[in-house]
Amino acid sequence: IVGEIKRGLPLPTIPTFNHVNELITPAITIAAVSLSISISMAKMFSRKHDYKVSANQELLAYGISNIVPSFFQCYPNAGSLSRSVVQEGSGGKTVLIGGFSSIVLGSVIMALTPLFRPLPMACLAAIIIVNLKGLFFQVKDFVFYIQISLLECILWTMTFVSVLLFDVDIGLYVGVCTSFIINTIRTQ
């Protein structure tokens, strides 16, 4: 069961810097993971819908979009694969779908949160899993990718296994290190 959800929005406050030393390493990890997920997701959709993505523009956009929420004690924002797949699956193709989602979410936070208290977590998980089923079936393309580039498959496998066995930040570090080693091998 979901349990109690606070109704309404928090009041703005100036962020304190008391815990900067403790939070700098996790903050860098969160930023790196969020940016890499967001850019890879943007590139996935850009290939599907034939448009270009600039990593520099994405970095600037996420940096700017995280300034205002810091005054409202929000989590850092980034692209959400599950939400993006749901929006695309429901026919959303423009930035306006994000605005519409924000209005709906704001209305829910302000008025409807008591209705979610008795909702089982399994119900929420089922909604996400049903919308991600297309991504789960992409595993069958692994054999095809091995034929294209064995080194890229090694990189993918090392990163994937590291995330499963350890954690996302460890998987990111393993992926970056493996990528560095593969690129060093290719250039020699």
Protein backbone atom coordinates (compact mmCIF):
# COMPACT_ATOMS: atom_id res chain seq x y z
CA ILE A 1 0.00 0.00 0.00
CA VAL A 2 1.32 3.44 -0.94
CA GLY A 3 0.52 5.04 2.43
CA GLU A 4 0.28 8.71 3.35
CA ILE A 5 1.26 11.30 0.73
CA LYS A 6 1.65 14.93 1.75
CA ARG A 7 -0.82 17.27 0.08
CA GLY A 8 0.31 20.59 -1.40
CA LEU A 9 3.63 22.12 -2.35
CA PRO A 10 6.58 22.95 -0.06
CA LEU A 11 7.42 26.57 0.66
CA PRO A 12 10.55 27.94 -1.03
CA THR A 13 13.69 28.06 1.12
CA ILE A 14 17.30 28.99 0.47
CA PRO A 15 19.40 25.81 0.26
CA THR A 16 21.96 25.39 3.04
CA PHE A 17 25.55 24.42 2.35
CA ASN A 18 26.22 22.64 5.67
CA HIS A 19 26.56 19.21 4.09
CA VAL A 20 28.43 20.07 0.88
CA ASN A 21 31.48 17.97 1.76
CA GLU A 22 29.33 14.88 2.39
CA LEU A 23 27.13 15.38 -0.66
CA ILE A 24 29.62 16.39 -3.37
CA THR A 25 30.54 12.83 -4.42
CA PRO A 26 26.93 11.54 -4.54
CA ALA A 27 25.90 14.75 -6.33
CA ILE A 28 28.48 14.20 -9.06
CA THR A 29 27.38 10.57 -9.40
CA ILE A 30 23.70 11.56 -9.61
CA ALA A 31 24.51 14.24 -12.19
CA ALA A 32 26.57 11.84 -14.32
CA VAL A 33 24.00 9.03 -14.17
CA SER A 34 21.07 11.40 -14.81
CA LEU A 35 22.79 13.06 -17.74
CA SER A 36 23.91 9.78 -19.31
CA ILE A 37 20.41 8.29 -18.97
CA SER A 38 18.79 11.44 -20.32
CA ILE A 39 21.12 11.75 -23.30
CA SER A 40 20.92 8.06 -24.21
CA MET A 41 17.13 8.22 -23.94
CA ALA A 42 17.04 11.39 -26.08
CA LYS A 43 19.25 9.70 -28.69
CA MET A 44 17.02 6.62 -28.68
CA PHE A 45 13.95 8.76 -29.41
CA SER A 46 15.87 10.93 -31.91
CA ARG A 47 16.72 7.85 -33.98
CA LYS A 48 13.12 6.71 -33.81
CA HIS A 49 11.66 10.11 -34.81
CA ASP A 50 14.54 11.41 -36.97
CA TYR A 51 15.86 14.51 -35.19
CA LYS A 52 19.24 15.53 -33.77
CA VAL A 53 20.29 15.74 -30.11
CA SER A 54 23.10 17.93 -28.77
CA ALA A 55 24.75 16.66 -25.58
CA ASN A 56 25.90 20.21 -24.72
CA GLN A 57 22.37 21.56 -25.07
CA GLU A 58 21.03 18.72 -22.91
CA LEU A 59 23.63 19.45 -20.21
CA LEU A 60 22.78 23.16 -20.21
CA ALA A 61 19.03 22.44 -20.11
CA TYR A 62 19.32 20.04 -17.16
CA GLY A 63 21.61 22.44 -15.30
CA ILE A 64 19.20 25.35 -15.68
CA SER A 65 16.13 23.21 -14.96
CA ASN A 66 17.62 22.11 -11.63
CA ILE A 67 18.22 25.63 -10.28
CA VAL A 68 14.62 26.61 -9.37
CA PRO A 69 13.64 23.20 -7.88
CA SER A 70 16.58 23.44 -5.46
CA PHE A 71 14.67 26.20 -3.64
CA PHE A 72 11.70 23.85 -3.14
CA GLN A 73 13.67 20.88 -1.71
CA CYS A 74 13.05 18.85 -4.88
CA TYR A 75 15.01 15.88 -6.11
CA PRO A 76 17.26 16.58 -9.09
CA ASN A 77 15.29 16.23 -12.29
CA ALA A 78 16.27 14.20 -15.31
CA GLY A 79 14.65 12.31 -18.13
CA SER A 80 12.49 9.39 -17.09
CA LEU A 81 12.51 6.44 -19.46
CA SER A 82 9.27 4.97 -18.15
CA ARG A 83 7.42 8.31 -18.28
CA SER A 84 8.77 9.11 -21.75
CA VAL A 85 7.73 5.71 -23.08
CA VAL A 86 4.25 6.16 -21.57
CA GLN A 87 3.94 9.63 -23.11
CA GLU A 88 5.12 8.43 -26.51
CA GLY A 89 2.84 5.39 -26.32
CA SER A 90 -0.14 7.64 -25.65
CA GLY A 91 0.65 9.76 -28.72
CA GLY A 92 2.56 12.67 -27.14
CA LYS A 93 5.01 14.17 -29.63
CA THR A 94 5.75 17.74 -28.53
CA VAL A 95 6.97 19.66 -25.51
CA LEU A 96 3.34 20.51 -24.75
CA ILE A 97 2.81 17.00 -23.35
CA GLY A 98 5.30 17.88 -20.59
CA GLY A 99 3.30 21.01 -19.76
CA PHE A 100 0.07 19.05 -19.76
CA SER A 101 1.66 16.40 -17.51
CA SER A 102 2.81 19.15 -15.12
CA ILE A 103 -0.68 20.60 -14.88
CA VAL A 104 -2.22 17.18 -14.22
CA LEU A 105 0.47 16.28 -11.67
CA GLY A 106 0.11 19.66 -9.92
CA SER A 107 -3.66 19.19 -9.70
CA VAL A 108 -3.20 15.69 -8.28
CA ILE A 109 -0.69 16.91 -5.67
CA MET A 110 -2.96 19.76 -4.61
CA ALA A 111 -6.26 17.87 -4.44
CA LEU A 112 -6.23 14.13 -5.03
CA THR A 113 -3.40 12.71 -2.90
CA PRO A 114 -5.73 11.11 -0.28
CA LEU A 115 -7.15 8.87 -3.02
CA PHE A 116 -3.74 7.24 -3.60
CA ARG A 117 -3.25 6.14 0.03
CA PRO A 118 -5.01 2.75 -0.30
CA LEU A 119 -3.54 2.02 -3.77
CA PRO A 120 -1.33 -1.10 -3.81
CA MET A 121 2.26 -0.58 -4.98
CA ALA A 122 1.81 -3.57 -7.30
CA CYS A 123 -0.77 -1.57 -9.24
CA LEU A 124 1.72 1.24 -9.86
CA ALA A 125 4.43 -1.26 -10.80
CA ALA A 126 2.09 -2.99 -13.27
CA ILE A 127 1.38 0.30 -15.05
CA ILE A 128 5.11 0.93 -15.51
CA ILE A 129 5.92 -2.66 -16.57
CA VAL A 130 3.15 -2.76 -19.19
CA ASN A 131 4.44 0.46 -20.72
CA LEU A 132 8.07 -0.78 -20.70
CA LYS A 133 7.36 -4.16 -22.31
CA GLY A 134 8.67 -2.95 -25.68
CA LEU A 135 12.01 -2.12 -24.09
CA PHE A 136 12.22 -5.54 -22.43
CA PHE A 137 11.84 -7.23 -25.82
CA GLN A 138 14.88 -5.36 -27.16
CA VAL A 139 17.07 -7.96 -25.41
CA LYS A 140 16.44 -10.26 -28.38
CA ASP A 141 18.48 -7.81 -30.52
CA PHE A 142 21.62 -8.70 -28.52
CA VAL A 143 22.73 -11.35 -31.05
CA PHE A 144 22.37 -8.81 -33.86
CA TYR A 145 24.53 -6.31 -31.97
CA ILE A 146 27.23 -8.93 -31.35
CA GLN A 147 27.52 -9.34 -35.12
CA ILE A 148 27.90 -5.59 -35.59
CA SER A 149 30.48 -4.89 -32.86
CA LEU A 150 31.81 -7.39 -30.35
CA LEU A 151 33.61 -4.65 -28.38
CA GLU A 152 30.42 -2.61 -27.97
CA CYS A 153 28.62 -5.74 -26.73
CA ILE A 154 31.40 -6.32 -24.21
CA LEU A 155 30.98 -2.72 -23.03
CA TRP A 156 27.21 -3.12 -22.75
CA THR A 157 27.52 -6.47 -20.93
CA MET A 158 30.13 -5.19 -18.44
CA THR A 159 28.00 -2.14 -17.62
CA PHE A 160 24.75 -4.11 -17.41
CA VAL A 161 26.19 -6.82 -15.15
CA SER A 162 27.86 -4.21 -12.90
CA VAL A 163 24.55 -2.38 -12.44
CA LEU A 164 22.76 -5.65 -11.63
CA LEU A 165 25.41 -6.91 -9.20
CA PHE A 166 26.43 -3.68 -7.50
CA ASP A 167 24.71 -0.35 -8.06
CA VAL A 168 24.03 2.24 -10.77
CA ASP A 169 27.00 4.42 -9.83
CA ILE A 170 29.39 1.42 -9.83
CA GLY A 171 27.92 0.35 -13.18
CA LEU A 172 28.54 3.84 -14.54
CA TYR A 173 32.17 3.79 -13.41
CA VAL A 174 32.69 0.30 -14.86
CA GLY A 175 31.09 1.42 -18.13
CA VAL A 176 33.28 4.52 -18.38
CA CYS A 177 36.45 2.55 -17.55
CA THR A 178 35.54 -0.23 -20.00
CA SER A 179 34.80 2.36 -22.69
CA PHE A 180 38.16 4.00 -22.05
CA ILE A 181 39.95 0.63 -22.36
CA ILE A 182 38.05 -0.25 -25.55
CA ASN A 183 38.82 3.13 -27.13
CA THR A 184 42.49 2.76 -26.16
CA ILE A 185 42.58 -0.68 -27.80
CA ARG A 186 40.91 0.69 -30.96
CA THR A 187 43.38 3.58 -31.33
CA GLN A 188 46.48 1.37 -31.11
